[in-house]
Each structure stands twice: as C-alpha cells, then as structure tokens.
C-alpha cells in the first residue's frame, strides 16, 4: 500500500505533461498531413496527365472526315496538342512545364499509311507517334497512335528528405486507328 501511495504522489503532479506531449506529437501529425496532401497532389497530377495523353491519342487516331472525297483526314499535331492541353488546363496544370518523352516505337509495316513512327515532338514537347505498332508480338498486327510526354513535380515537405525533391511523371497513351 505504501508503494502505491508513493507512485500516485510522484505522478499525481503532472502539470504541463499535456503540453510536452503535444509539442512532441503535433509536428509529427502535421508532417503526416502535409505528406498526405502532397502525395495526393502528385497522384492527381499523374492521373490528369494520363487522361490528357489518352484524350490526345484518341483525337490523333480518329479521322476528322471519313466521308470526304479526299479520304480520311486526320487531325494535325496542333489539334492533338490542343486536346492534351485542354484536359490539363481544366485541372489547372501548367502546360508550359511539359517535357519531351519519346518512347521509341516501331512504325507499322506497309501497307500502312505513310508517315509512321515518332517524328520529333511538336513545339509543345508532346510526342505524337502515328501509324506505330501497338502490339509488336501480337497477331493480327494493330496500328495506332501513341501520345507521350513527361511532367515535373516538386514535393514541398519541410524538415524531411523529400523537401524540394523533384520527380518526373511520365504519361503515355495509345489508341487504335479507326477507319
């Protein structure tokens, strides 16, 4: 009984213990919340640029005028770039930070339409590869369009090793050619 009285007397006077605990725990909780926010933003940007690349590939692979007398006319690179940038601007992502990324795809063999392969990217650093093999090992051979680019992202997590760390998010999407 005497030992319990000594223990309760010792810990009975715990003035300021809550403040000390909060001083230790609150910075950790704050860093955890900041990490969740910044990783969430990175995921949001990644999913947006993937959607933008997919929209660009769909735009590039679909003929604008199938019934015209001159045959299929496909959208220009400027139209495809506009489709990519429209999706990115809808999510308030800066399109001037887009970086070039060329996946190096093989052109479809003849009798595919001319102009296959990956030419140098447009002025907006978006690589538009037309008439490329989408399934090099598969049969039947499928040709299509691939749109690819990269986007930089910088974490801001003070007092961590991730602070000001830059990562490059890559976006690539493909779509079969439609006749």
C-alpha atoms as a PDB file:
ATOM      1  CA  UNK A   1       0.000   0.000   0.000  1.00  0.00           C
ATOM      2  CA  UNK A   2       2.854   2.336   0.774  1.00  0.00           C
ATOM      3  CA  UNK A   3       4.393   1.824  -2.700  1.00  0.00           C
ATOM      4  CA  UNK A   4       1.147   2.786  -4.428  1.00  0.00           C
ATOM      5  CA  UNK A   5       0.915   5.992  -2.455  1.00  0.00           C
ATOM      6  CA  UNK A   6       4.463   6.914  -3.454  1.00  0.00           C
ATOM      7  CA  UNK A   7       3.730   6.227  -7.153  1.00  0.00           C
ATOM      8  CA  UNK A   8       0.492   8.203  -7.176  1.00  0.00           C
ATOM      9  CA  UNK A   9       2.218  11.068  -5.374  1.00  0.00           C
ATOM     10  CA  UNK A  10       5.034  11.038  -7.918  1.00  0.00           C
ATOM     11  CA  UNK A  11       2.745  11.041 -10.963  1.00  0.00           C
ATOM     12  CA  UNK A  12      -0.055  12.989  -9.365  1.00  0.00           C
ATOM     13  CA  UNK A  13       1.726  16.224 -10.082  1.00  0.00           C
ATOM     14  CA  UNK A  14       1.725  16.089 -13.913  1.00  0.00           C
ATOM     15  CA  UNK A  15       1.336  19.776 -14.673  1.00  0.00           C
ATOM     16  CA  UNK A  16       2.492  20.586 -18.177  1.00  0.00           C
ATOM     17  CA  UNK A  17       2.730  16.962 -19.309  1.00  0.00           C
ATOM     18  CA  UNK A  18      -0.003  17.522 -21.895  1.00  0.00           C
ATOM     19  CA  UNK A  19       1.912  20.456 -23.355  1.00  0.00           C
ATOM     20  CA  UNK A  20       5.083  18.406 -23.618  1.00  0.00           C
ATOM     21  CA  UNK A  21       3.216  15.542 -25.289  1.00  0.00           C
ATOM     22  CA  UNK A  22       1.561  17.918 -27.734  1.00  0.00           C
ATOM     23  CA  UNK A  23       4.940  19.503 -28.510  1.00  0.00           C
ATOM     24  CA  UNK A  24       6.244  16.055 -29.462  1.00  0.00           C
ATOM     25  CA  UNK A  25       3.200  14.721 -31.325  1.00  0.00           C
ATOM     26  CA  UNK A  26       1.821  17.751 -33.206  1.00  0.00           C
ATOM     27  CA  UNK A  27       4.840  18.247 -35.527  1.00  0.00           C
ATOM     28  CA  UNK A  28       4.683  14.575 -36.491  1.00  0.00           C
ATOM     29  CA  UNK A  29       0.954  14.772 -37.180  1.00  0.00           C
ATOM     30  CA  UNK A  30       1.482  17.988 -39.151  1.00  0.00           C
ATOM     31  CA  UNK A  31       4.197  16.339 -41.299  1.00  0.00           C
ATOM     32  CA  UNK A  32       1.932  13.327 -41.880  1.00  0.00           C
ATOM     33  CA  UNK A  33      -0.899  15.585 -43.048  1.00  0.00           C
ATOM     34  CA  UNK A  34       1.429  17.561 -45.332  1.00  0.00           C
ATOM     35  CA  UNK A  35       2.717  14.298 -46.794  1.00  0.00           C
ATOM     36  CA  UNK A  36      -0.814  13.124 -47.490  1.00  0.00           C
ATOM     37  CA  UNK A  37      -1.640  16.417 -49.207  1.00  0.00           C
ATOM     38  CA  UNK A  38       1.492  16.451 -51.406  1.00  0.00           C
ATOM     39  CA  UNK A  39       1.285  12.775 -52.367  1.00  0.00           C
ATOM     40  CA  UNK A  40      -2.396  13.320 -53.158  1.00  0.00           C
ATOM     41  CA  UNK A  41      -1.497  16.265 -55.386  1.00  0.00           C
ATOM     42  CA  UNK A  42       1.159  14.160 -57.160  1.00  0.00           C
ATOM     43  CA  UNK A  43      -1.402  11.412 -57.764  1.00  0.00           C
ATOM     44  CA  UNK A  44      -3.922  13.972 -59.023  1.00  0.00           C
ATOM     45  CA  UNK A  45      -1.410  15.405 -61.498  1.00  0.00           C
ATOM     46  CA  UNK A  46      -0.385  11.910 -62.618  1.00  0.00           C
ATOM     47  CA  UNK A  47      -3.966  10.835 -63.303  1.00  0.00           C
ATOM     48  CA  UNK A  48      -4.685  14.116 -65.096  1.00  0.00           C
ATOM     49  CA  UNK A  49      -1.683  13.851 -67.429  1.00  0.00           C
ATOM     50  CA  UNK A  50      -2.597  10.219 -68.168  1.00  0.00           C
ATOM     51  CA  UNK A  51      -6.113  11.346 -69.080  1.00  0.00           C
ATOM     52  CA  UNK A  52      -4.674  14.160 -71.218  1.00  0.00           C
ATOM     53  CA  UNK A  53      -2.419  11.725 -73.089  1.00  0.00           C
ATOM     54  CA  UNK A  54      -5.368   9.375 -73.640  1.00  0.00           C
ATOM     55  CA  UNK A  55      -7.506  12.206 -74.993  1.00  0.00           C
ATOM     56  CA  UNK A  56      -4.662  13.229 -77.306  1.00  0.00           C
ATOM     57  CA  UNK A  57      -4.245   9.665 -78.591  1.00  0.00           C
ATOM     58  CA  UNK A  58      -7.965   9.330 -79.246  1.00  0.00           C
ATOM     59  CA  UNK A  59      -8.008  12.656 -81.067  1.00  0.00           C
ATOM     60  CA  UNK A  60      -4.975  11.735 -83.199  1.00  0.00           C
ATOM     61  CA  UNK A  61      -6.327   8.287 -84.138  1.00  0.00           C
ATOM     62  CA  UNK A  62      -9.791   9.361 -85.261  1.00  0.00           C
ATOM     63  CA  UNK A  63     -10.301  10.698 -88.774  1.00  0.00           C
ATOM     64  CA  UNK A  64     -11.965  14.092 -88.914  1.00  0.00           C
ATOM     65  CA  UNK A  65     -13.687  13.406 -92.238  1.00  0.00           C
ATOM     66  CA  UNK A  66     -14.247   9.797 -93.235  1.00  0.00           C
ATOM     67  CA  UNK A  67     -16.793  10.540 -95.958  1.00  0.00           C
ATOM     68  CA  UNK A  68     -14.852  13.360 -97.626  1.00  0.00           C
ATOM     69  CA  UNK A  69     -13.822  12.945-101.263  1.00  0.00           C
ATOM     70  CA  UNK A  70     -10.099  13.078-100.377  1.00  0.00           C
ATOM     71  CA  UNK A  71     -10.379  10.146 -97.971  1.00  0.00           C
ATOM     72  CA  UNK A  72      -9.533  10.051 -94.288  1.00  0.00           C
ATOM     73  CA  UNK A  73      -8.038  13.235 -92.963  1.00  0.00           C
ATOM     74  CA  UNK A  74      -6.503  13.000 -89.539  1.00  0.00           C
ATOM     75  CA  UNK A  75      -6.113  15.896 -87.099  1.00  0.00           C
ATOM     76  CA  UNK A  76      -2.947  17.958 -87.210  1.00  0.00           C
ATOM     77  CA  UNK A  77      -0.389  17.915 -84.403  1.00  0.00           C
ATOM     78  CA  UNK A  78      -1.705  21.297 -83.252  1.00  0.00           C
ATOM     79  CA  UNK A  79      -5.201  19.834 -82.827  1.00  0.00           C
ATOM     80  CA  UNK A  80      -3.854  16.872 -80.835  1.00  0.00           C
ATOM     81  CA  UNK A  81      -1.741  19.182 -78.675  1.00  0.00           C
ATOM     82  CA  UNK A  82      -4.805  21.361 -78.104  1.00  0.00           C
ATOM     83  CA  UNK A  83      -6.763  18.323 -76.873  1.00  0.00           C
ATOM     84  CA  UNK A  84      -3.961  17.405 -74.437  1.00  0.00           C
ATOM     85  CA  UNK A  85      -3.621  20.957 -73.142  1.00  0.00           C
ATOM     86  CA  UNK A  86      -7.392  21.370 -72.731  1.00  0.00           C
ATOM     87  CA  UNK A  87      -7.528  18.456 -70.291  1.00  0.00           C
ATOM     88  CA  UNK A  88      -4.528  19.768 -68.359  1.00  0.00           C
ATOM     89  CA  UNK A  89      -5.865  23.323 -68.198  1.00  0.00           C
ATOM     90  CA  UNK A  90      -9.201  22.022 -66.899  1.00  0.00           C
ATOM     91  CA  UNK A  91      -7.292  20.800 -63.819  1.00  0.00           C
ATOM     92  CA  UNK A  92      -5.219  23.994 -63.553  1.00  0.00           C
ATOM     93  CA  UNK A  93      -1.966  22.268 -64.519  1.00  0.00           C
ATOM     94  CA  UNK A  94       0.692  24.452 -66.130  1.00  0.00           C
ATOM     95  CA  UNK A  95       1.159  23.240 -69.709  1.00  0.00           C
ATOM     96  CA  UNK A  96       4.420  25.137 -70.176  1.00  0.00           C
ATOM     97  CA  UNK A  97       6.223  22.600 -67.954  1.00  0.00           C
ATOM     98  CA  UNK A  98       5.609  19.652 -70.293  1.00  0.00           C
ATOM     99  CA  UNK A  99       8.836  17.827 -71.180  1.00  0.00           C
ATOM    100  CA  UNK A 100       9.602  15.659 -74.198  1.00  0.00           C
ATOM    101  CA  UNK A 101       9.481  11.897 -73.857  1.00  0.00           C
ATOM    102  CA  UNK A 102       9.926   9.666 -76.881  1.00  0.00           C
ATOM    103  CA  UNK A 103       9.108   6.007 -76.241  1.00  0.00           C
ATOM    104  CA  UNK A 104      10.837   4.875 -79.484  1.00  0.00           C
ATOM    105  CA  UNK A 105       8.101   2.829 -81.129  1.00  0.00           C
ATOM    106  CA  UNK A 106       8.378   0.961 -84.418  1.00  0.00           C
ATOM    107  CA  UNK A 107       6.411   2.094 -87.467  1.00  0.00           C
ATOM    108  CA  UNK A 108       3.770  -0.195 -88.928  1.00  0.00           C
ATOM    109  CA  UNK A 109       4.950  -2.142 -91.986  1.00  0.00           C
ATOM    110  CA  UNK A 110       3.383  -1.470 -95.431  1.00  0.00           C
ATOM    111  CA  UNK A 111       0.559  -1.244 -96.493  1.00  0.00           C
ATOM    112  CA  UNK A 112       0.088   1.110 -93.506  1.00  0.00           C
ATOM    113  CA  UNK A 113      -0.496   4.766 -94.360  1.00  0.00           C
ATOM    114  CA  UNK A 114       2.680   6.814 -94.769  1.00  0.00           C
ATOM    115  CA  UNK A 115       4.077   8.927 -92.001  1.00  0.00           C
ATOM    116  CA  UNK A 116       4.546   6.229 -89.399  1.00  0.00           C
ATOM    117  CA  UNK A 117       6.926   6.345 -86.488  1.00  0.00           C
ATOM    118  CA  UNK A 118       7.788   9.015 -83.980  1.00  0.00           C
ATOM    119  CA  UNK A 119       8.840  12.312 -85.522  1.00  0.00           C
ATOM    120  CA  UNK A 120      10.421  14.991 -83.340  1.00  0.00           C
ATOM    121  CA  UNK A 121       7.906  16.380 -80.850  1.00  0.00           C
ATOM    122  CA  UNK A 122       5.830  19.425 -81.574  1.00  0.00           C
ATOM    123  CA  UNK A 123       6.798  22.799 -80.174  1.00  0.00           C
ATOM    124  CA  UNK A 124       4.836  21.926 -77.035  1.00  0.00           C
ATOM    125  CA  UNK A 125       7.089  18.902 -76.246  1.00  0.00           C
ATOM    126  CA  UNK A 126       4.291  16.400 -76.840  1.00  0.00           C
ATOM    127  CA  UNK A 127       5.415  13.401 -78.898  1.00  0.00           C
ATOM    128  CA  UNK A 128       2.736  12.183 -81.308  1.00  0.00           C
ATOM    129  CA  UNK A 129       3.626   8.839 -82.920  1.00  0.00           C
ATOM    130  CA  UNK A 130       1.306   7.912 -85.781  1.00  0.00           C
ATOM    131  CA  UNK A 131       0.957   4.546 -87.531  1.00  0.00           C
ATOM    132  CA  UNK A 132       3.019   2.665 -84.967  1.00  0.00           C
ATOM    133  CA  UNK A 133       2.695  -0.966 -83.902  1.00  0.00           C
ATOM    134  CA  UNK A 134       0.625  -1.216 -80.763  1.00  0.00           C
ATOM    135  CA  UNK A 135       1.190  -4.960 -80.321  1.00  0.00           C
ATOM    136  CA  UNK A 136       4.568  -5.814 -81.879  1.00  0.00           C
ATOM    137  CA  UNK A 137       4.402  -9.502 -80.921  1.00  0.00           C
ATOM    138  CA  UNK A 138       0.683  -9.992 -81.354  1.00  0.00           C
ATOM    139  CA  UNK A 139      -1.376 -11.171 -84.273  1.00  0.00           C
ATOM    140  CA  UNK A 140      -3.190  -9.630 -86.006  1.00  0.00           C
ATOM    141  CA  UNK A 141      -0.955  -6.599 -86.195  1.00  0.00           C
ATOM    142  CA  UNK A 142      -2.623  -3.449 -84.887  1.00  0.00           C
ATOM    143  CA  UNK A 143      -1.533   0.031 -85.854  1.00  0.00           C
ATOM    144  CA  UNK A 144      -2.409   3.163 -83.990  1.00  0.00           C
ATOM    145  CA  UNK A 145      -1.299   6.383 -82.436  1.00  0.00           C
ATOM    146  CA  UNK A 146       0.710   6.934 -79.271  1.00  0.00           C
ATOM    147  CA  UNK A 147       0.909  10.253 -77.436  1.00  0.00           C
ATOM    148  CA  UNK A 148       3.591  10.686 -74.775  1.00  0.00           C
ATOM    149  CA  UNK A 149       5.171  13.393 -72.637  1.00  0.00           C
ATOM    150  CA  UNK A 150       6.571  13.988 -69.156  1.00  0.00           C
ATOM    151  CA  UNK A 151       5.668  16.436 -66.417  1.00  0.00           C
ATOM    152  CA  UNK A 152       7.847  17.508 -63.462  1.00  0.00           C
ATOM    153  CA  UNK A 153       6.532  17.584 -59.897  1.00  0.00           C
ATOM    154  CA  UNK A 154       8.241  19.018 -56.836  1.00  0.00           C
ATOM    155  CA  UNK A 155       7.422  17.983 -53.271  1.00  0.00           C
ATOM    156  CA  UNK A 156       7.367  20.630 -50.556  1.00  0.00           C
ATOM    157  CA  UNK A 157       7.760  18.798 -47.258  1.00  0.00           C
ATOM    158  CA  UNK A 158       9.898  20.900 -44.900  1.00  0.00           C
ATOM    159  CA  UNK A 159      12.245  19.153 -42.471  1.00  0.00           C
ATOM    160  CA  UNK A 160      12.216  15.900 -44.473  1.00  0.00           C
ATOM    161  CA  UNK A 161      14.454  14.319 -47.067  1.00  0.00           C
ATOM    162  CA  UNK A 162      11.670  14.807 -49.639  1.00  0.00           C
ATOM    163  CA  UNK A 163      11.710  18.595 -49.350  1.00  0.00           C
ATOM    164  CA  UNK A 164      12.144  20.189 -52.782  1.00  0.00           C
ATOM    165  CA  UNK A 165      12.632  16.708 -54.289  1.00  0.00           C
ATOM    166  CA  UNK A 166      11.744  16.661 -57.993  1.00  0.00           C
ATOM    167  CA  UNK A 167      10.195  13.679 -59.701  1.00  0.00           C
ATOM    168  CA  UNK A 168       9.221  13.317 -63.337  1.00  0.00           C
ATOM    169  CA  UNK A 169       5.811  11.875 -64.084  1.00  0.00           C
ATOM    170  CA  UNK A 170       5.513  10.128 -67.465  1.00  0.00           C
ATOM    171  CA  UNK A 171       2.301   9.923 -69.466  1.00  0.00           C
ATOM    172  CA  UNK A 172       1.758   7.655 -72.456  1.00  0.00           C
ATOM    173  CA  UNK A 173      -1.465   6.558 -74.094  1.00  0.00           C
ATOM    174  CA  UNK A 174      -2.328   4.682 -77.250  1.00  0.00           C
ATOM    175  CA  UNK A 175      -5.362   4.350 -79.469  1.00  0.00           C
ATOM    176  CA  UNK A 176      -6.069   2.123 -82.468  1.00  0.00           C
ATOM    177  CA  UNK A 177      -6.559   3.769 -85.828  1.00  0.00           C
ATOM    178  CA  UNK A 178     -10.204   3.913 -86.839  1.00  0.00           C
ATOM    179  CA  UNK A 179     -11.291   3.790 -90.458  1.00  0.00           C
END
